[in-house]
Amino acid sequence: MTMEPPWTSMELSFFQYLDTPRKIQEYLDEIAYDERCFTASPRRIIQERKANCFGGALLGAAALEHLGYEPLIVDLVAEKDMDDDHVIAVYKRFDRYGAVAKSN
């Protein structure tokens, strides 16, 4: 059993604006990359307009869930020390998969 997050009316309006996966990705592309070493909640990301890749995946998953997709967060672990790990929010539409993500 999943619980609905207690979104505010402003946050619900925000999610209604992001009415396609493309708009979710465009939003993630336009906000600043958060260099801080912690992950912010989707609520904080909406307020501050910045996110790291994990926070971007959380916001993407929340927005996808609002659209009726069953979100899946995937952590891609780098094999070499010089590479960065990456986190994405994956969704399925019909028989195809897509993803939204925030990248540095």
Protein backbone atom coordinates (compact mmCIF):
# COMPACT_ATOMS: atom_id res chain seq x y z
CA MET A 1 0.00 0.00 0.00
CA THR A 2 1.44 3.37 -1.01
CA MET A 3 0.59 6.64 0.66
CA GLU A 4 0.00 9.81 -1.31
CA PRO A 5 2.45 12.56 -0.34
CA PRO A 6 0.77 15.60 1.16
CA TRP A 7 1.49 17.92 -1.76
CA THR A 8 0.54 21.58 -1.36
CA SER A 9 -1.73 23.24 -3.90
CA MET A 10 1.31 25.04 -5.37
CA GLU A 11 3.17 21.75 -5.76
CA LEU A 12 0.14 20.11 -7.39
CA SER A 13 -0.03 23.03 -9.85
CA PHE A 14 3.67 22.54 -10.55
CA PHE A 15 3.14 18.84 -11.32
CA GLN A 16 0.14 19.65 -13.54
CA TYR A 17 2.43 21.89 -15.62
CA LEU A 18 4.85 18.97 -16.09
CA ASP A 19 2.25 16.99 -18.02
CA THR A 20 4.60 14.92 -20.22
CA PRO A 21 7.93 13.18 -19.66
CA ARG A 22 9.46 15.66 -22.13
CA LYS A 23 8.35 18.61 -19.98
CA ILE A 24 9.77 16.89 -16.90
CA GLN A 25 13.13 16.51 -18.68
CA GLU A 26 13.06 20.09 -19.94
CA TYR A 27 12.49 21.30 -16.38
CA LEU A 28 15.38 19.19 -15.08
CA ASP A 29 17.59 20.57 -17.86
CA GLU A 30 16.77 24.20 -17.05
CA ILE A 31 17.32 24.15 -13.28
CA ALA A 32 20.77 24.56 -11.74
CA TYR A 33 22.94 21.60 -10.76
CA ASP A 34 23.22 21.36 -6.96
CA GLU A 35 26.86 20.82 -6.01
CA ARG A 36 26.10 20.21 -2.33
CA CYS A 37 26.81 16.73 -1.01
CA PHE A 38 23.26 15.89 0.02
CA THR A 39 20.10 14.98 -1.76
CA ALA A 40 17.14 17.31 -1.55
CA SER A 41 13.52 16.23 -1.53
CA PRO A 42 11.31 16.96 -4.55
CA ARG A 43 9.64 19.67 -2.44
CA ARG A 44 12.96 21.43 -1.79
CA ILE A 45 13.98 21.09 -5.45
CA ILE A 46 10.75 22.79 -6.53
CA GLN A 47 11.43 25.63 -4.07
CA GLU A 48 15.16 26.10 -4.80
CA ARG A 49 15.14 25.20 -8.53
CA LYS A 50 18.33 23.14 -8.27
CA ALA A 51 19.09 19.43 -7.95
CA ASN A 52 21.87 16.87 -8.17
CA CYS A 53 21.33 13.70 -10.20
CA PHE A 54 19.75 11.73 -7.33
CA GLY A 55 17.41 14.57 -6.41
CA GLY A 56 16.55 15.04 -10.07
CA ALA A 57 15.63 11.36 -10.29
CA LEU A 58 13.43 11.70 -7.18
CA LEU A 59 11.66 14.74 -8.62
CA GLY A 60 11.33 12.98 -11.98
CA ALA A 61 9.84 9.90 -10.30
CA ALA A 62 7.36 12.04 -8.34
CA ALA A 63 6.30 13.90 -11.50
CA LEU A 64 6.01 10.64 -13.46
CA GLU A 65 3.90 9.13 -10.67
CA HIS A 66 1.62 12.19 -10.80
CA LEU A 67 1.11 11.41 -14.52
CA GLY A 68 0.11 7.85 -13.71
CA TYR A 69 3.38 6.10 -14.53
CA GLU A 70 4.84 3.56 -12.15
CA PRO A 71 8.23 5.18 -11.52
CA LEU A 72 11.43 3.24 -11.12
CA ILE A 73 14.67 4.79 -9.88
CA VAL A 74 17.82 3.21 -11.29
CA ASP A 75 21.30 3.79 -9.83
CA LEU A 76 24.04 3.38 -12.43
CA VAL A 77 27.30 2.73 -10.59
CA ALA A 78 30.52 3.85 -12.27
CA GLU A 79 33.21 1.21 -12.69
CA LYS A 80 36.14 3.60 -12.71
CA ASP A 81 37.02 6.14 -10.03
CA MET A 82 37.24 8.95 -12.57
CA ASP A 83 33.61 8.41 -13.65
CA ASP A 84 30.51 9.51 -11.75
CA ASP A 85 27.62 7.34 -10.68
CA HIS A 86 24.28 8.40 -12.16
CA VAL A 87 20.67 8.02 -11.08
CA ILE A 88 17.69 8.12 -13.45
CA ALA A 89 13.90 7.80 -13.21
CA VAL A 90 12.67 5.18 -15.69
CA TYR A 91 9.12 4.84 -16.97
CA LYS A 92 7.30 2.54 -19.37
CA ARG A 93 4.77 3.67 -21.97
CA PHE A 94 3.11 0.90 -23.90
CA ASP A 95 5.99 -1.44 -24.77
CA ARG A 96 8.77 1.16 -24.66
CA TYR A 97 10.91 2.62 -21.91
CA GLY A 98 12.09 6.14 -21.32
CA ALA A 99 13.95 7.99 -18.58
CA VAL A 100 14.34 11.45 -17.10
CA ALA A 101 17.46 12.60 -15.29
CA LYS A 102 19.50 15.56 -14.05
CA SER A 103 23.15 15.56 -15.03
CA ASN A 104 26.16 17.61 -14.08
